């Protein structure tokens, strides 16, 4: 069996097991976003052949270069932008990605609002939350979240959920719990949380999108 296909099957089996044992077992299974950044096209082609359709990228130009050809072959690919988005690249991003996970500041929200139309490919957004209130880290601090959420709503940006990157030196479950409570409070359906090292914990808190790279593709080159 192909190495990536074997990982794919094991991951999906583990995701289902964790989901079935969680408080959120009656909800749909969380979706696996295969984080394809810096992976060779050969591995991605293998993944496409056996059915993986949701992918995450963090650099716009690299993503456009890589995926333009694949999108001509597979019409059901779903692309998620999971990196820091520069305001001067918003228009291109809106025409290329289905979901943007990293809405994290007012000037970005304004630029999205200015360029978002009914013809944009992007149909939903997530607010990136800095759950650890870490300096020099992207995301809205917890004490500023409500104000930012109201601001984004006033711009009529379709925010469907929240995303976080827990501090590397803290227990991630604490931060998944914070994000879950925030989503409940503001009635948001999607949670983008959990990566290769902690996705089983994220599932316990109702994650709907798991951003998994190395456990899916193996180590990046």
Protein backbone atom coordinates (compact mmCIF):
# COMPACT_ATOMS: atom_id res chain seq x y z
CA UNK A 1 0.00 0.00 0.00
CA UNK A 2 1.18 3.51 -0.79
CA UNK A 3 2.82 5.16 2.25
CA UNK A 4 0.63 8.26 2.14
CA UNK A 5 -2.51 6.22 1.57
CA UNK A 6 -1.61 4.12 4.60
CA UNK A 7 -1.23 7.26 6.72
CA UNK A 8 -4.50 8.62 5.33
CA UNK A 9 -6.40 5.48 6.31
CA UNK A 10 -4.84 5.36 9.79
CA UNK A 11 -5.53 9.04 10.39
CA UNK A 12 -9.16 8.76 9.37
CA UNK A 13 -9.61 5.69 11.53
CA UNK A 14 -8.13 7.50 14.53
CA UNK A 15 -10.17 10.64 13.84
CA UNK A 16 -13.38 8.58 13.78
CA UNK A 17 -12.45 6.73 16.99
CA UNK A 18 -11.70 9.95 18.87
CA UNK A 19 -14.84 11.58 17.52
CA UNK A 20 -17.04 8.62 18.47
CA UNK A 21 -15.67 8.75 22.02
CA UNK A 22 -16.10 12.52 22.34
CA UNK A 23 -18.93 14.66 23.70
CA UNK A 24 -19.49 15.82 20.09
CA UNK A 25 -20.05 12.36 18.61
CA UNK A 26 -23.48 13.34 17.25
CA UNK A 27 -21.91 16.12 15.18
CA UNK A 28 -20.40 15.43 11.74
CA UNK A 29 -16.87 14.07 11.68
CA UNK A 30 -14.17 16.75 11.72
CA UNK A 31 -12.66 17.32 8.28
CA UNK A 32 -9.02 16.58 7.62
CA UNK A 33 -7.13 19.43 5.97
CA UNK A 34 -3.98 17.97 4.45
CA UNK A 35 -1.41 20.75 4.95
CA UNK A 36 0.42 20.59 1.65
CA UNK A 37 2.82 23.53 2.05
CA UNK A 38 6.38 22.70 1.00
CA UNK A 39 5.40 19.16 -0.01
CA UNK A 40 6.43 17.80 -3.42
CA UNK A 41 3.73 17.56 -6.07
CA UNK A 42 4.25 13.81 -6.32
CA UNK A 43 2.92 13.31 -2.78
CA UNK A 44 -0.06 15.54 -3.44
CA UNK A 45 -0.87 13.71 -6.64
CA UNK A 46 -0.83 10.43 -4.68
CA UNK A 47 -3.21 11.91 -2.10
CA UNK A 48 -5.55 13.18 -4.81
CA UNK A 49 -5.65 9.79 -6.47
CA UNK A 50 -6.99 8.05 -3.39
CA UNK A 51 -9.54 10.69 -2.51
CA UNK A 52 -8.13 13.43 -0.27
CA UNK A 53 -9.76 16.65 -1.42
CA UNK A 54 -9.21 19.30 1.29
CA UNK A 55 -5.80 21.00 1.42
CA UNK A 56 -4.20 23.83 3.37
CA UNK A 57 -1.60 26.31 2.14
CA UNK A 58 0.13 29.25 3.83
CA UNK A 59 1.75 31.09 0.91
CA UNK A 60 -0.42 32.54 -1.81
CA UNK A 61 1.96 32.55 -4.76
CA UNK A 62 3.22 29.04 -4.04
CA UNK A 63 -0.36 27.80 -3.76
CA UNK A 64 -1.43 29.36 -7.06
CA UNK A 65 1.59 27.92 -8.83
CA UNK A 66 0.98 24.45 -7.38
CA UNK A 67 -2.80 24.12 -7.50
CA UNK A 68 -3.77 25.81 -10.76
CA UNK A 69 -3.00 22.66 -12.74
CA UNK A 70 -4.59 20.28 -10.23
CA UNK A 71 -7.78 22.38 -10.18
CA UNK A 72 -8.12 21.86 -13.92
CA UNK A 73 -8.07 18.10 -13.38
CA UNK A 74 -10.06 17.76 -10.13
CA UNK A 75 -13.10 20.01 -9.83
CA UNK A 76 -13.92 19.06 -6.23
CA UNK A 77 -10.72 20.25 -4.50
CA UNK A 78 -11.30 22.52 -1.49
CA UNK A 79 -8.46 24.91 -0.71
CA UNK A 80 -7.98 26.53 2.71
CA UNK A 81 -5.66 29.44 3.39
CA UNK A 82 -4.01 28.96 6.80
CA UNK A 83 -1.13 31.45 6.73
CA UNK A 84 -0.70 35.13 7.46
CA UNK A 85 -2.50 37.04 4.71
CA UNK A 86 -1.02 40.32 3.49
CA UNK A 87 -3.54 43.01 2.55
CA UNK A 88 -2.03 43.47 -0.91
CA UNK A 89 -2.78 39.83 -1.70
CA UNK A 90 -6.39 39.77 -0.55
CA UNK A 91 -7.97 40.08 -3.99
CA UNK A 92 -6.02 37.12 -5.37
CA UNK A 93 -6.72 35.04 -2.26
CA UNK A 94 -10.46 35.66 -2.52
CA UNK A 95 -10.42 34.37 -6.07
CA UNK A 96 -8.46 31.23 -5.24
CA UNK A 97 -9.32 29.85 -1.78
CA UNK A 98 -12.61 28.41 -0.55
CA UNK A 99 -11.98 29.23 3.12
CA UNK A 100 -9.62 31.69 4.82
CA UNK A 101 -8.70 30.76 8.41
CA UNK A 102 -6.60 33.77 9.37
CA UNK A 103 -8.73 36.89 9.62
CA UNK A 104 -6.73 38.58 12.36
CA UNK A 105 -6.76 42.38 12.16
CA UNK A 106 -8.90 45.37 11.21
CA UNK A 107 -7.03 46.50 8.09
CA UNK A 108 -7.28 42.97 6.69
CA UNK A 109 -11.01 42.89 7.39
CA UNK A 110 -11.45 46.23 5.62
CA UNK A 111 -9.53 44.99 2.58
CA UNK A 112 -11.58 41.80 2.45
CA UNK A 113 -14.80 43.78 2.72
CA UNK A 114 -13.68 46.02 -0.14
CA UNK A 115 -12.91 43.11 -2.48
CA UNK A 116 -15.43 40.44 -1.46
CA UNK A 117 -18.24 39.95 -3.99
CA UNK A 118 -20.79 37.30 -4.85
CA UNK A 119 -18.35 36.04 -7.49
CA UNK A 120 -15.49 35.53 -5.00
CA UNK A 121 -14.45 31.93 -4.54
CA UNK A 122 -14.02 32.42 -0.79
CA UNK A 123 -17.37 31.86 0.90
CA UNK A 124 -16.41 31.65 4.56
CA UNK A 125 -13.83 32.98 6.98
CA UNK A 126 -12.46 32.18 10.41
CA UNK A 127 -11.11 34.63 12.93
CA UNK A 128 -7.68 33.69 14.21
CA UNK A 129 -7.63 34.05 17.99
CA UNK A 130 -4.45 34.51 20.00
CA UNK A 131 -5.71 32.40 22.91
CA UNK A 132 -2.44 32.76 24.79
CA UNK A 133 -2.32 36.54 24.29
CA UNK A 134 1.27 36.05 23.11
CA UNK A 135 3.28 39.01 21.94
CA UNK A 136 4.50 38.92 18.33
CA UNK A 137 1.93 36.27 17.41
CA UNK A 138 -0.88 36.71 14.92
CA UNK A 139 -4.46 36.60 16.07
CA UNK A 140 -6.95 38.69 18.01
CA UNK A 141 -6.26 38.86 21.75
CA UNK A 142 -9.05 37.52 23.91
CA UNK A 143 -9.79 40.88 25.51
CA UNK A 144 -10.30 42.44 22.07
CA UNK A 145 -12.26 39.63 20.47
CA UNK A 146 -15.81 40.83 21.04
CA UNK A 147 -15.05 44.28 19.65
CA UNK A 148 -13.35 42.78 16.59
CA UNK A 149 -16.18 40.30 16.04
CA UNK A 150 -18.73 43.13 16.01
CA UNK A 151 -16.54 45.10 13.62
CA UNK A 152 -16.27 42.18 11.19
CA UNK A 153 -20.01 41.60 11.36
CA UNK A 154 -20.62 45.26 10.54
CA UNK A 155 -18.63 44.70 7.33
CA UNK A 156 -20.85 41.71 6.50
CA UNK A 157 -17.91 39.32 6.20
CA UNK A 158 -19.27 35.75 6.51
CA UNK A 159 -17.37 34.51 9.56
CA UNK A 160 -18.26 30.87 10.23
CA UNK A 161 -15.72 29.96 12.89
CA UNK A 162 -12.52 30.44 14.85
CA UNK A 163 -8.94 29.26 14.52
CA UNK A 164 -6.06 29.07 16.99
CA UNK A 165 -2.42 28.04 17.36
CA UNK A 166 -1.82 27.18 21.03
CA UNK A 167 1.46 28.30 22.64
CA UNK A 168 4.06 25.61 22.08
CA UNK A 169 4.98 25.43 25.78
CA UNK A 170 1.43 25.06 27.15
CA UNK A 171 -1.12 22.28 27.28
CA UNK A 172 -3.15 22.71 24.06
CA UNK A 173 -6.39 21.45 25.62
CA UNK A 174 -6.63 24.67 27.64
CA UNK A 175 -6.64 26.69 24.45
CA UNK A 176 -9.01 24.37 22.61
CA UNK A 177 -11.41 24.77 25.52
CA UNK A 178 -11.12 28.57 25.33
CA UNK A 179 -11.85 28.52 21.59
CA UNK A 180 -14.81 26.16 22.04
CA UNK A 181 -16.36 28.40 24.70
CA UNK A 182 -15.84 31.45 22.49
CA UNK A 183 -17.51 29.72 19.54
CA UNK A 184 -20.46 28.74 21.71
CA UNK A 185 -20.85 32.27 23.06
CA UNK A 186 -20.88 33.86 19.62
CA UNK A 187 -22.81 31.02 17.96
CA UNK A 188 -20.13 30.02 15.46
CA UNK A 189 -20.22 26.56 13.94
CA UNK A 190 -16.63 25.90 12.84
CA UNK A 191 -13.43 25.42 14.81
CA UNK A 192 -10.07 25.13 13.07
CA UNK A 193 -7.84 23.61 15.73
CA UNK A 194 -5.58 20.61 16.07
CA UNK A 195 -2.43 19.73 14.15
CA UNK A 196 -0.31 16.60 13.86
CA UNK A 197 0.85 16.66 17.48
CA UNK A 198 -2.45 17.48 19.18
CA UNK A 199 -5.42 16.80 16.89
CA UNK A 200 -6.77 13.98 19.08
CA UNK A 201 -7.15 16.51 21.91
CA UNK A 202 -8.76 19.05 19.60
CA UNK A 203 -11.41 16.52 18.59
CA UNK A 204 -12.49 16.22 22.23
CA UNK A 205 -13.40 19.91 22.15
CA UNK A 206 -15.40 19.68 18.93
CA UNK A 207 -12.89 20.74 16.30
CA UNK A 208 -14.45 20.73 12.83
CA UNK A 209 -11.23 21.21 10.84
CA UNK A 210 -7.94 19.45 11.64
CA UNK A 211 -4.84 20.95 10.00
CA UNK A 212 -2.55 17.94 9.60
CA UNK A 213 0.72 18.06 7.70
CA UNK A 214 3.60 15.80 8.75
CA UNK A 215 1.35 12.99 10.01
CA UNK A 216 -0.26 12.91 6.57
CA UNK A 217 2.60 13.57 4.16
CA UNK A 218 5.65 12.84 6.29
CA UNK A 219 8.35 15.38 7.04
CA UNK A 220 8.69 18.36 4.73
CA UNK A 221 11.76 18.57 2.53
